[in-house]
Amino acid sequence: MISLSQALAFGLASLVIIVIPGPSVLFVVGRALAYGRRTALVSVVGNELGALVVVCAVAFGVGAVVERSVVVFTAIKLCGAAYLIFLGVRALMRGRAHAGQADVPAERGGWRAGFDGFLVGVANPKTVVFFAAVLPQFVDRHRGGVPAQMLVLGLIFVLIALVCDSTWSLVASGARAWFGRSPRRLRLVGGTGGLAMIGLGIGVAVTGRRD
């Protein structure tokens, strides 16, 4: 099982990537602005369930490979770092494209809102890349049970994301008029997130295990 230092280190890394606005945050904020608190919170729950599915897939797929091959791990890490940088650059260049996500054409019911959130969580490239490229670096192969370690660490990520995304939805639903008056505020958030993602991608590329 994981150590306390592993949990704390991964928890900090998770917090950094979670607070960077990406598809999930913009989706939740859009739901809050369009429909209010209840729909946004249901969407958050669905989103984190989707992320949990990604955790399981990575843990039992990538985890088994990482346990046997450092070369494969390095290749995955570099590909993930490159994609993180790509996402950051695209966020900077196309920040305007996400500003209109606050406009959702038709209201979703409880289960439908949760299902929509689930799809966003499963398809979120930032989460997939983070789990595939960053999560394995916090696994201690000498402890054994790499897939189990990745599951526990992934659960930590999901719990932190649940708290952070819920906070985003509560803040956005409480300030719907303030956000709605200036789409540039959403674009500014996305641009800041783009720079942070580029920095994270560079960090992933130049650091990590070499055993």
Protein backbone atom coordinates (compact mmCIF):
# COMPACT_ATOMS: atom_id res chain seq x y z
CA MET A 1 0.00 0.00 0.00
CA ILE A 2 1.06 3.61 -0.40
CA SER A 3 2.97 5.60 2.21
CA LEU A 4 1.92 8.89 3.76
CA SER A 5 4.63 10.73 1.83
CA GLN A 6 3.34 9.25 -1.44
CA ALA A 7 -0.21 10.32 -0.61
CA LEU A 8 0.81 13.86 0.34
CA ALA A 9 3.06 14.34 -2.69
CA PHE A 10 0.46 13.01 -5.10
CA GLY A 11 -2.28 14.98 -3.39
CA LEU A 12 -0.31 18.20 -3.95
CA ALA A 13 0.32 17.35 -7.61
CA SER A 14 -3.36 16.49 -8.03
CA LEU A 15 -4.43 19.79 -6.51
CA VAL A 16 -2.20 21.67 -8.96
CA ILE A 17 -3.67 19.95 -12.03
CA ILE A 18 -7.25 20.07 -10.71
CA VAL A 19 -7.31 23.80 -10.03
CA ILE A 20 -6.05 24.50 -13.57
CA PRO A 21 -9.28 25.24 -15.48
CA GLY A 22 -9.86 22.65 -18.18
CA PRO A 23 -12.81 20.87 -19.85
CA SER A 24 -14.29 19.67 -16.55
CA VAL A 25 -14.11 23.05 -14.81
CA LEU A 26 -15.50 24.91 -17.81
CA PHE A 27 -18.28 22.34 -18.12
CA VAL A 28 -19.23 22.66 -14.44
CA VAL A 29 -19.06 26.46 -14.54
CA GLY A 30 -21.22 26.45 -17.67
CA ARG A 31 -23.85 24.29 -15.96
CA ALA A 32 -23.82 26.53 -12.91
CA LEU A 33 -24.20 29.68 -14.98
CA ALA A 34 -27.00 28.22 -17.09
CA TYR A 35 -29.00 26.20 -14.57
CA GLY A 36 -27.75 26.93 -11.09
CA ARG A 37 -26.38 25.01 -8.17
CA ARG A 38 -28.29 21.70 -8.24
CA THR A 39 -27.60 20.78 -11.87
CA ALA A 40 -23.96 21.82 -11.52
CA LEU A 41 -23.41 19.66 -8.42
CA VAL A 42 -25.04 16.63 -10.06
CA SER A 43 -22.78 17.20 -13.06
CA VAL A 44 -19.76 17.26 -10.73
CA VAL A 45 -20.67 13.86 -9.26
CA GLY A 46 -21.04 12.39 -12.75
CA ASN A 47 -17.74 13.95 -13.78
CA GLU A 48 -15.84 12.36 -10.91
CA LEU A 49 -17.40 8.96 -11.60
CA GLY A 50 -16.08 9.28 -15.14
CA ALA A 51 -12.63 10.13 -13.79
CA LEU A 52 -12.81 7.05 -11.55
CA VAL A 53 -13.38 4.87 -14.63
CA VAL A 54 -10.24 6.38 -16.17
CA VAL A 55 -8.33 5.61 -12.95
CA CYS A 56 -9.32 1.94 -13.12
CA ALA A 57 -8.41 1.68 -16.80
CA VAL A 58 -4.98 3.24 -16.25
CA ALA A 59 -4.28 1.26 -13.08
CA PHE A 60 -4.93 -2.14 -14.61
CA GLY A 61 -3.49 -1.25 -18.01
CA VAL A 62 -0.66 1.23 -17.72
CA GLY A 63 0.09 0.12 -14.15
CA ALA A 64 0.94 -3.43 -15.19
CA VAL A 65 3.21 -2.18 -17.98
CA VAL A 66 5.00 0.32 -15.74
CA GLU A 67 5.66 -2.43 -13.22
CA ARG A 68 7.67 -4.33 -15.85
CA SER A 69 9.21 -1.76 -18.19
CA VAL A 70 10.90 1.52 -17.35
CA VAL A 71 11.43 2.14 -21.08
CA VAL A 72 7.70 2.00 -21.76
CA PHE A 73 7.05 4.24 -18.77
CA THR A 74 9.53 6.82 -20.09
CA ALA A 75 7.87 6.78 -23.51
CA ILE A 76 4.44 7.27 -21.91
CA LYS A 77 5.78 10.08 -19.74
CA LEU A 78 7.31 11.98 -22.67
CA CYS A 79 4.20 11.56 -24.83
CA GLY A 80 2.03 12.75 -21.97
CA ALA A 81 4.30 15.73 -21.31
CA ALA A 82 4.16 16.71 -24.99
CA TYR A 83 0.38 16.49 -24.97
CA LEU A 84 0.11 18.57 -21.80
CA ILE A 85 2.19 21.27 -23.49
CA PHE A 86 -0.01 21.00 -26.58
CA LEU A 87 -3.15 21.44 -24.48
CA GLY A 88 -1.61 24.47 -22.78
CA VAL A 89 -0.65 26.10 -26.08
CA ARG A 90 -4.10 25.40 -27.51
CA ALA A 91 -5.73 26.92 -24.42
CA LEU A 92 -3.71 30.08 -24.95
CA MET A 93 -4.48 30.28 -28.66
CA ARG A 94 -8.13 29.27 -28.48
CA GLY A 95 -9.23 30.65 -25.11
CA ARG A 96 -12.09 32.42 -26.85
CA ALA A 97 -13.55 29.10 -28.03
CA HIS A 98 -14.54 27.99 -24.51
CA ALA A 99 -15.99 31.30 -23.37
CA GLY A 100 -19.41 30.44 -24.78
CA GLN A 101 -19.79 27.22 -22.83
CA ALA A 102 -21.94 29.06 -20.33
CA ASP A 103 -24.69 28.98 -22.95
CA VAL A 104 -26.34 25.55 -22.86
CA PRO A 105 -29.39 25.18 -25.10
CA ALA A 106 -31.65 22.97 -23.02
CA GLU A 107 -31.84 22.10 -19.35
CA ARG A 108 -30.89 18.59 -18.24
CA GLY A 109 -32.65 16.63 -15.53
CA GLY A 110 -30.86 15.04 -12.58
CA TRP A 111 -29.84 11.74 -14.17
CA ARG A 112 -29.15 13.36 -17.53
CA ALA A 113 -26.95 16.01 -15.92
CA GLY A 114 -25.02 13.28 -14.13
CA PHE A 115 -24.61 11.29 -17.34
CA ASP A 116 -23.38 14.34 -19.22
CA GLY A 117 -20.87 14.95 -16.44
CA PHE A 118 -19.78 11.30 -16.63
CA LEU A 119 -19.06 11.61 -20.36
CA VAL A 120 -17.01 14.75 -19.80
CA GLY A 121 -15.03 13.01 -17.05
CA VAL A 122 -14.27 9.95 -19.20
CA ALA A 123 -13.29 12.02 -22.23
CA ASN A 124 -11.33 14.74 -20.40
CA PRO A 125 -7.88 14.66 -22.06
CA LYS A 126 -6.24 16.52 -19.18
CA THR A 127 -7.31 13.84 -16.69
CA VAL A 128 -6.36 10.96 -18.99
CA VAL A 129 -2.89 12.39 -19.65
CA PHE A 130 -2.35 13.14 -15.96
CA PHE A 131 -3.21 9.59 -14.90
CA ALA A 132 -1.18 7.99 -17.69
CA ALA A 133 1.92 10.19 -17.46
CA VAL A 134 2.06 11.58 -13.92
CA LEU A 135 0.34 9.00 -11.70
CA PRO A 136 2.93 6.22 -12.33
CA GLN A 137 5.72 8.48 -11.05
CA PHE A 138 4.24 8.38 -7.55
CA VAL A 139 4.14 4.58 -7.43
CA ASP A 140 6.82 2.71 -5.45
CA ARG A 141 7.53 -0.42 -7.48
CA HIS A 142 9.51 -1.92 -4.59
CA ARG A 143 6.34 -2.06 -2.50
CA GLY A 144 4.62 -4.24 -5.10
CA GLY A 145 0.98 -4.11 -6.09
CA VAL A 146 1.41 -1.27 -8.58
CA PRO A 147 -2.21 -1.38 -9.84
CA ALA A 148 -3.51 -1.24 -6.24
CA GLN A 149 -1.25 1.73 -5.45
CA MET A 150 -2.49 3.52 -8.54
CA LEU A 151 -6.11 2.89 -7.58
CA VAL A 152 -5.60 4.38 -4.11
CA LEU A 153 -3.75 7.39 -5.51
CA GLY A 154 -6.42 7.82 -8.18
CA LEU A 155 -9.10 7.81 -5.50
CA ILE A 156 -7.24 10.63 -3.74
CA PHE A 157 -7.35 12.58 -7.00
CA VAL A 158 -11.08 11.98 -7.43
CA LEU A 159 -11.87 13.11 -3.88
CA ILE A 160 -9.83 16.31 -4.29
CA ALA A 161 -11.51 16.93 -7.65
CA LEU A 162 -14.93 16.42 -6.08
CA VAL A 163 -14.24 19.14 -3.51
CA CYS A 164 -12.63 21.57 -5.97
CA ASP A 165 -15.19 21.16 -8.76
CA SER A 166 -18.03 21.48 -6.27
CA THR A 167 -16.47 24.72 -5.04
CA TRP A 168 -16.28 26.00 -8.63
CA SER A 169 -19.95 25.17 -9.16
CA LEU A 170 -21.02 26.87 -5.93
CA VAL A 171 -19.00 30.01 -6.67
CA ALA A 172 -20.21 30.19 -10.28
CA SER A 173 -23.85 29.60 -9.38
CA GLY A 174 -23.60 32.30 -6.72
CA ALA A 175 -22.10 34.80 -9.17
CA ARG A 176 -24.00 34.02 -12.38
CA ALA A 177 -24.70 37.65 -13.18
CA TRP A 178 -21.09 38.72 -12.55
CA PHE A 179 -19.64 36.07 -14.90
CA GLY A 180 -22.35 36.60 -17.49
CA ARG A 181 -21.56 40.29 -17.92
CA SER A 182 -17.98 39.63 -19.08
CA PRO A 183 -17.04 36.53 -21.13
CA ARG A 184 -13.48 37.85 -21.08
CA ARG A 185 -13.23 36.75 -17.45
CA LEU A 186 -13.65 33.12 -18.48
CA ARG A 187 -11.09 33.56 -21.26
CA LEU A 188 -8.61 35.03 -18.78
CA VAL A 189 -9.01 32.02 -16.51
CA GLY A 190 -8.46 29.68 -19.45
CA GLY A 191 -5.33 31.56 -20.54
CA THR A 192 -3.82 31.35 -17.07
CA GLY A 193 -4.59 27.65 -17.03
CA GLY A 194 -2.87 27.23 -20.40
CA LEU A 195 0.39 28.67 -19.05
CA ALA A 196 0.17 26.42 -15.99
CA MET A 197 -0.38 23.33 -18.15
CA ILE A 198 2.67 24.17 -20.28
CA GLY A 199 4.73 24.47 -17.11
CA LEU A 200 3.42 21.15 -15.83
CA GLY A 201 4.21 19.45 -19.14
CA ILE A 202 7.79 20.70 -19.05
CA GLY A 203 8.11 19.56 -15.45
CA VAL A 204 6.84 16.07 -16.31
CA ALA A 205 9.32 15.80 -19.19
CA VAL A 206 12.44 16.69 -17.17
CA THR A 207 11.63 14.99 -13.86
CA GLY A 208 10.44 11.63 -12.62
CA ARG A 209 11.81 8.18 -11.85
CA ARG A 210 14.79 6.79 -13.76
CA ASP A 211 15.23 3.47 -11.93
